[in-house]
Amino acid sequence: MRSWASLCLVLLLAIIVAACAGHDWASPGEVLRAIAGDPSLGARLLVDWRIPRVLAAALVGALLGLGGAVFQGVFRNPLAEPYLLGSAGGAALGATVALLVPLAVPQSVILPVLAFAGAWGATVLVIGISRVSGAVDAAGMLLAGVAVAAILGALRSFLMLALSDETVSLQIVLSWVLGGVQTPSWPGLGLLAVISAACLALTLLFARGLDMLGLGETMATSFGLNVPRFIMLAVLAGSVVVAAAVAFGGLVAFVGLAAPHVARWLMGPLHKPLLPASALVGAIVVTVADAIARSALPPAEIPLGLVTAVAGGPFFILLLARRLRT
């Protein structure tokens, strides 16, 4: 109970600090007055731009934490991360099409839709290849994921070379690939909140199976778990979570890798508490990282993925060293 209260308190503090952070810093009092309905221009900017951005960052981080916990549980590997099965390459390909191909639909609408479709479609393709080849276990999916990711990366590079006729277009694509939460409207933020809640409920359905799978495939089978079917369904569920995250936040590195580890240290290995705790930790990390990205080099904005990569790289090295010593 104390750990839950601590995580919720830290997230609340992170949201308050992030709401204050920016090119022009605001005081907590100004944020509260803006929420209360202050009609000044500064208050309107806080309510219409900064606060939705902060809350969207928290929700994207929660989705990444959830996705990382699911994938680490499915593959029984603490170094697993949400982009293993080509979802990153698929999302990047979809975003590239949305940014470089003239379409009748507004870019603000088509970009998240195509990014989601690309991430989800890449995972479905990986599972299809695994089933056709007869390798429906975790190792077979990983190998298929590497191959699909390489193909999708090549296609994205080809589209960037073939369709981009000016440097600005390439910069837009690269900016999205490096990660960055887009400021949603309040209805858009509500949609993201509903999607995040649905993803949490979906992943909790797999908590007991993930616990059994952690005992080993033989033991899980003896408990009545259909391991190949469960792995496929859990991977599809985790990919829905990751696709939602990249659709709204681009490719944000290391959060899905690190958040489940921190949650596991706090809550233990059982997935029923681990999944929501991973979501809370991911929300904290991305909220803080997004605040740094917006305020470190004003008036410019650092890509969110660069901030999380700089912070997550040392964490990954420490994690790898610890794993090699055990």
Protein backbone atom coordinates (compact mmCIF):
# COMPACT_ATOMS: atom_id res chain seq x y z
CA MET A 1 0.00 0.00 0.00
CA ARG A 2 2.85 2.36 0.82
CA SER A 3 4.45 1.71 -2.59
CA TRP A 4 1.19 2.52 -4.38
CA ALA A 5 0.80 5.76 -2.44
CA SER A 6 4.41 6.69 -3.18
CA LEU A 7 4.03 6.06 -6.91
CA CYS A 8 0.81 8.08 -7.09
CA LEU A 9 2.38 10.95 -5.14
CA VAL A 10 5.48 11.01 -7.34
CA LEU A 11 3.29 11.01 -10.47
CA LEU A 12 1.23 13.91 -9.11
CA LEU A 13 4.38 15.88 -8.33
CA ALA A 14 5.79 15.09 -11.79
CA ILE A 15 2.60 16.36 -13.44
CA ILE A 16 2.67 19.59 -11.39
CA VAL A 17 6.35 20.24 -12.20
CA ALA A 18 5.79 19.43 -15.88
CA ALA A 19 2.80 21.78 -16.02
CA CYS A 20 5.04 24.55 -14.69
CA ALA A 21 7.99 23.74 -16.98
CA GLY A 22 8.45 25.21 -20.42
CA HIS A 23 9.96 28.09 -22.37
CA ASP A 24 8.18 30.42 -19.94
CA TRP A 25 7.99 28.79 -16.53
CA ALA A 26 4.76 29.13 -14.58
CA SER A 27 4.29 28.94 -10.84
CA PRO A 28 1.98 26.30 -9.29
CA GLY A 29 -0.34 29.17 -8.35
CA GLU A 30 -0.59 30.27 -11.98
CA VAL A 31 -1.39 26.70 -13.02
CA LEU A 32 -4.14 26.47 -10.39
CA ARG A 33 -5.60 29.83 -11.44
CA ALA A 34 -5.58 28.71 -15.07
CA ILE A 35 -7.46 25.53 -14.17
CA ALA A 36 -9.92 27.60 -12.14
CA GLY A 37 -10.79 29.66 -15.23
CA ASP A 38 -8.41 32.64 -15.33
CA PRO A 39 -9.26 34.40 -18.64
CA SER A 40 -5.74 35.77 -19.28
CA LEU A 41 -3.79 34.69 -22.38
CA GLY A 42 -1.12 32.92 -20.35
CA ALA A 43 -3.74 30.94 -18.46
CA ARG A 44 -5.50 29.96 -21.71
CA LEU A 45 -2.19 28.71 -23.14
CA LEU A 46 -1.65 26.59 -20.04
CA VAL A 47 -5.11 25.05 -20.21
CA ASP A 48 -5.29 24.60 -23.99
CA TRP A 49 -1.70 23.60 -24.70
CA ARG A 50 0.60 22.73 -21.80
CA ILE A 51 -1.70 20.79 -19.47
CA PRO A 52 -3.10 18.51 -22.24
CA ARG A 53 0.49 17.91 -23.39
CA VAL A 54 1.57 16.92 -19.87
CA LEU A 55 -1.36 14.56 -19.37
CA ALA A 56 -0.84 13.03 -22.82
CA ALA A 57 2.82 12.40 -21.96
CA ALA A 58 1.77 10.62 -18.78
CA LEU A 59 -0.66 8.40 -20.68
CA VAL A 60 1.89 7.57 -23.40
CA GLY A 61 4.38 6.63 -20.68
CA ALA A 62 1.77 4.44 -18.99
CA LEU A 63 1.15 2.59 -22.26
CA LEU A 64 4.88 2.05 -22.81
CA GLY A 65 5.29 0.72 -19.26
CA LEU A 66 2.37 -1.67 -19.77
CA GLY A 67 3.71 -2.89 -23.11
CA GLY A 68 7.17 -3.47 -21.68
CA ALA A 69 5.81 -5.50 -18.75
CA VAL A 70 3.77 -7.70 -21.10
CA PHE A 71 6.66 -8.37 -23.48
CA GLN A 72 9.11 -9.09 -20.67
CA GLY A 73 6.60 -11.53 -19.20
CA VAL A 74 5.88 -13.26 -22.52
CA PHE A 75 9.51 -13.68 -23.50
CA ARG A 76 10.68 -14.24 -19.90
CA ASN A 77 13.56 -11.92 -20.60
CA PRO A 78 14.24 -8.78 -18.52
CA LEU A 79 15.99 -7.21 -21.52
CA ALA A 80 12.88 -7.46 -23.71
CA GLU A 81 11.30 -4.16 -24.77
CA PRO A 82 8.07 -3.17 -26.54
CA TYR A 83 9.55 -2.70 -30.01
CA LEU A 84 10.93 -6.25 -30.34
CA LEU A 85 8.53 -7.55 -32.97
CA GLY A 86 8.82 -4.85 -35.59
CA SER A 87 6.13 -2.56 -34.20
CA ALA A 88 8.56 0.38 -34.22
CA GLY A 89 9.41 -0.19 -37.87
CA GLY A 90 5.75 -0.56 -38.80
CA ALA A 91 4.77 2.60 -36.93
CA ALA A 92 7.63 4.54 -38.52
CA LEU A 93 6.61 3.34 -41.99
CA GLY A 94 3.00 4.39 -41.39
CA ALA A 95 4.08 7.79 -40.09
CA THR A 96 6.37 8.28 -43.10
CA VAL A 97 3.47 7.64 -45.47
CA ALA A 98 1.28 10.06 -43.53
CA LEU A 99 3.93 12.79 -43.55
CA LEU A 100 5.20 12.48 -47.11
CA VAL A 101 2.25 11.25 -49.19
CA PRO A 102 -0.43 13.88 -49.99
CA LEU A 103 -3.71 12.56 -48.62
CA ALA A 104 -7.20 14.05 -48.41
CA VAL A 105 -7.40 13.42 -44.64
CA PRO A 106 -5.84 16.01 -42.28
CA GLN A 107 -2.36 15.02 -41.16
CA SER A 108 -3.26 15.36 -37.47
CA VAL A 109 -5.82 12.58 -37.98
CA ILE A 110 -4.09 10.29 -40.46
CA LEU A 111 -0.69 10.26 -38.70
CA PRO A 112 -1.78 8.44 -35.52
CA VAL A 113 -4.10 6.19 -37.52
CA LEU A 114 -1.37 5.04 -39.93
CA ALA A 115 1.20 4.77 -37.14
CA PHE A 116 -1.17 2.54 -35.16
CA ALA A 117 -2.00 0.48 -38.25
CA GLY A 118 1.69 0.10 -39.11
CA ALA A 119 2.68 -1.04 -35.62
CA TRP A 120 -0.25 -3.46 -35.33
CA GLY A 121 0.16 -4.74 -38.88
CA ALA A 122 3.87 -5.43 -38.37
CA THR A 123 3.14 -7.57 -35.33
CA VAL A 124 0.37 -9.47 -37.10
CA LEU A 125 2.80 -10.08 -39.98
CA VAL A 126 5.43 -11.42 -37.57
CA ILE A 127 2.93 -13.79 -35.97
CA GLY A 128 1.74 -14.91 -39.41
CA ILE A 129 5.31 -15.66 -40.53
CA SER A 130 5.94 -17.57 -37.30
CA ARG A 131 2.83 -19.70 -37.76
CA VAL A 132 3.54 -20.43 -41.42
CA SER A 133 7.10 -21.47 -40.58
CA GLY A 134 5.92 -23.57 -37.64
CA ALA A 135 7.93 -21.54 -35.11
CA VAL A 136 5.22 -20.13 -32.86
CA ASP A 137 7.41 -20.04 -29.78
CA ALA A 138 9.05 -16.89 -28.41
CA ALA A 139 12.37 -17.50 -30.18
CA GLY A 140 10.67 -17.94 -33.56
CA MET A 141 8.72 -14.71 -33.12
CA LEU A 142 11.89 -12.83 -32.20
CA LEU A 143 13.69 -14.03 -35.34
CA ALA A 144 10.70 -13.15 -37.52
CA GLY A 145 10.52 -9.75 -35.80
CA VAL A 146 14.14 -8.98 -36.64
CA ALA A 147 13.57 -9.84 -40.30
CA VAL A 148 10.34 -7.83 -40.56
CA ALA A 149 11.91 -4.84 -38.81
CA ALA A 150 14.81 -4.84 -41.28
CA ILE A 151 12.43 -4.94 -44.27
CA LEU A 152 10.21 -2.17 -42.89
CA GLY A 153 13.24 -0.01 -42.11
CA ALA A 154 14.45 -0.38 -45.69
CA LEU A 155 11.00 0.53 -47.03
CA ARG A 156 10.88 3.62 -44.84
CA SER A 157 14.31 4.74 -46.05
CA PHE A 158 13.24 4.21 -49.66
CA LEU A 159 10.08 6.28 -49.18
CA MET A 160 12.08 9.08 -47.53
CA LEU A 161 14.48 9.19 -50.49
CA ALA A 162 11.79 8.83 -53.16
CA LEU A 163 9.07 11.10 -51.84
CA SER A 164 10.91 13.85 -50.00
CA ASP A 165 11.75 16.81 -52.20
CA GLU A 166 12.96 19.15 -49.49
CA THR A 167 14.97 18.97 -46.28
CA VAL A 168 12.04 20.09 -44.13
CA SER A 169 10.05 16.96 -44.97
CA LEU A 170 12.91 14.72 -43.88
CA GLN A 171 13.28 16.71 -40.68
CA ILE A 172 9.59 16.20 -39.90
CA VAL A 173 9.89 12.43 -40.37
CA LEU A 174 13.07 12.21 -38.32
CA SER A 175 11.51 14.32 -35.58
CA TRP A 176 8.62 11.89 -35.30
CA VAL A 177 10.91 8.86 -35.35
CA LEU A 178 12.95 10.37 -32.50
CA GLY A 179 9.79 10.61 -30.41
CA GLY A 180 7.66 13.46 -29.21
CA VAL A 181 4.21 13.77 -27.67
CA GLN A 182 1.93 15.93 -29.77
CA THR A 183 -0.37 18.32 -27.91
CA PRO A 184 -3.89 16.88 -28.20
CA SER A 185 -7.20 18.67 -27.95
CA TRP A 186 -9.21 17.91 -24.84
CA PRO A 187 -11.47 15.48 -26.79
CA GLY A 188 -8.33 13.83 -28.18
CA LEU A 189 -6.91 13.57 -24.67
CA GLY A 190 -10.16 11.96 -23.54
CA LEU A 191 -9.86 9.40 -26.34
CA LEU A 192 -6.27 8.62 -25.29
CA ALA A 193 -7.40 8.21 -21.66
CA VAL A 194 -10.15 5.77 -22.68
CA ILE A 195 -7.69 3.81 -24.84
CA SER A 196 -5.18 3.67 -21.96
CA ALA A 197 -7.80 2.42 -19.50
CA ALA A 198 -8.95 -0.22 -21.99
CA CYS A 199 -5.34 -1.34 -22.54
CA LEU A 200 -4.79 -1.70 -18.78
CA ALA A 201 -7.96 -3.79 -18.47
CA LEU A 202 -6.91 -5.91 -21.46
CA THR A 203 -3.43 -6.65 -20.14
CA LEU A 204 -4.73 -7.54 -16.68
CA LEU A 205 -6.62 -10.41 -18.31
CA PHE A 206 -3.24 -11.98 -19.08
CA ALA A 207 -1.71 -11.48 -15.60
CA ARG A 208 -2.34 -15.01 -14.30
CA GLY A 209 -1.11 -16.62 -17.52
CA LEU A 210 2.06 -14.52 -17.45
CA ASP A 211 2.71 -15.67 -13.89
CA MET A 212 2.34 -19.31 -14.95
CA LEU A 213 4.51 -18.77 -18.03
CA GLY A 214 7.22 -17.38 -15.76
CA LEU A 215 7.50 -20.83 -14.15
CA GLY A 216 8.51 -22.31 -17.50
CA GLU A 217 6.55 -23.68 -20.43
CA THR A 218 6.45 -27.23 -19.04
CA MET A 219 5.08 -26.10 -15.69
CA ALA A 220 2.62 -23.70 -17.36
CA THR A 221 1.33 -26.55 -19.55
CA SER A 222 0.86 -28.75 -16.49
CA PHE A 223 -1.31 -25.99 -14.99
CA GLY A 224 -3.53 -26.16 -18.07
CA LEU A 225 -2.17 -23.21 -20.05
CA ASN A 226 -2.12 -23.57 -23.83
CA VAL A 227 1.31 -21.97 -24.15
CA PRO A 228 1.54 -21.34 -27.94
CA ARG A 229 -1.96 -19.86 -28.04
CA PHE A 230 -1.37 -17.78 -24.93
CA ILE A 231 1.91 -16.39 -26.26
CA MET A 232 0.26 -15.38 -29.53
CA LEU A 233 -2.68 -13.66 -27.80
CA ALA A 234 -0.47 -11.94 -25.23
CA VAL A 235 1.84 -10.64 -27.96
CA LEU A 236 -1.16 -9.30 -29.88
CA ALA A 237 -2.50 -7.60 -26.74
CA GLY A 238 0.90 -6.10 -25.93
CA SER A 239 1.22 -4.89 -29.50
CA VAL A 240 -2.12 -3.07 -29.27
CA VAL A 241 -0.75 -1.23 -26.23
CA VAL A 242 2.52 -0.36 -27.96
CA ALA A 243 0.73 0.69 -31.15
CA ALA A 244 -1.43 3.10 -29.15
CA ALA A 245 1.67 4.54 -27.49
CA VAL A 246 3.58 5.15 -30.72
CA ALA A 247 0.49 6.54 -32.45
CA PHE A 248 0.30 9.36 -29.90
CA GLY A 249 3.96 9.71 -28.87
CA GLY A 250 6.24 8.50 -31.64
CA LEU A 251 9.12 6.15 -30.89
CA VAL A 252 10.21 6.80 -27.29
CA ALA A 253 13.23 4.72 -26.34
CA PHE A 254 13.99 2.73 -23.16
CA VAL A 255 10.82 3.56 -21.19
CA GLY A 256 9.24 0.18 -21.89
CA LEU A 257 12.49 -1.50 -20.91
CA ALA A 258 13.14 0.38 -17.67
CA ALA A 259 9.66 0.94 -16.21
CA PRO A 260 8.83 -2.75 -15.56
CA HIS A 261 12.16 -3.23 -13.77
CA VAL A 262 11.52 -0.35 -11.38
CA ALA A 263 7.98 -1.62 -10.80
CA ARG A 264 9.29 -5.14 -10.18
CA TRP A 265 11.69 -3.84 -7.54
CA LEU A 266 8.77 -2.11 -5.80
CA MET A 267 5.96 -4.65 -6.24
CA GLY A 268 7.56 -8.03 -6.86
CA PRO A 269 7.17 -10.37 -9.85
CA LEU A 270 3.41 -11.08 -9.80
CA HIS A 271 1.82 -9.44 -12.82
CA LYS A 272 -1.48 -8.34 -11.30
CA PRO A 273 0.24 -5.57 -9.30
CA LEU A 274 3.20 -5.35 -11.69
CA LEU A 275 1.20 -4.22 -14.73
CA PRO A 276 -0.46 -1.13 -13.18
CA ALA A 277 2.76 -0.30 -11.31
CA SER A 278 4.70 -0.42 -14.61
CA ALA A 279 2.11 1.96 -16.07
CA LEU A 280 2.60 4.39 -13.17
CA VAL A 281 6.40 4.27 -13.44
CA GLY A 282 6.24 4.76 -17.22
CA ALA A 283 3.92 7.72 -16.74
CA ILE A 284 6.34 9.32 -14.27
CA VAL A 285 9.37 8.80 -16.52
CA VAL A 286 7.79 10.20 -19.69
CA THR A 287 6.17 13.13 -17.85
CA VAL A 288 9.54 14.19 -16.43
CA ALA A 289 11.40 13.52 -19.70
CA ASP A 290 8.87 15.54 -21.70
CA ALA A 291 9.23 18.45 -19.26
CA ILE A 292 13.01 18.34 -19.78
CA ALA A 293 12.56 18.16 -23.56
CA ARG A 294 10.36 21.28 -23.53
CA SER A 295 12.43 23.39 -21.16
CA ALA A 296 16.12 22.42 -21.44
CA LEU A 297 17.00 24.44 -24.57
CA PRO A 298 14.38 27.18 -25.01
CA PRO A 299 12.95 28.13 -27.42
CA ALA A 300 13.93 24.87 -29.16
CA GLU A 301 12.47 21.53 -28.10
CA ILE A 302 14.60 18.40 -27.75
CA PRO A 303 13.03 15.22 -29.19
CA LEU A 304 11.59 13.21 -26.31
CA GLY A 305 13.23 10.01 -27.51
CA LEU A 306 16.68 11.60 -27.19
CA VAL A 307 16.03 12.53 -23.56
CA THR A 308 14.85 9.05 -22.64
CA ALA A 309 17.72 7.46 -24.57
CA VAL A 310 20.34 9.56 -22.75
CA ALA A 311 18.78 8.60 -19.42
CA GLY A 312 17.97 5.01 -20.38
CA GLY A 313 21.31 4.10 -21.94
CA PRO A 314 23.20 3.99 -18.61
CA PHE A 315 20.26 2.14 -17.03
CA PHE A 316 20.44 -0.51 -19.76
CA ILE A 317 24.20 -0.90 -19.31
CA LEU A 318 23.80 -1.36 -15.54
CA LEU A 319 20.99 -3.83 -16.10
CA LEU A 320 23.04 -5.81 -18.61
CA ALA A 321 26.06 -5.87 -16.30
CA ARG A 322 23.90 -7.08 -13.41
CA ARG A 323 22.39 -9.82 -15.58
CA LEU A 324 25.80 -11.00 -16.77
CA ARG A 325 27.08 -11.23 -13.18
CA THR A 326 24.17 -13.48 -12.12
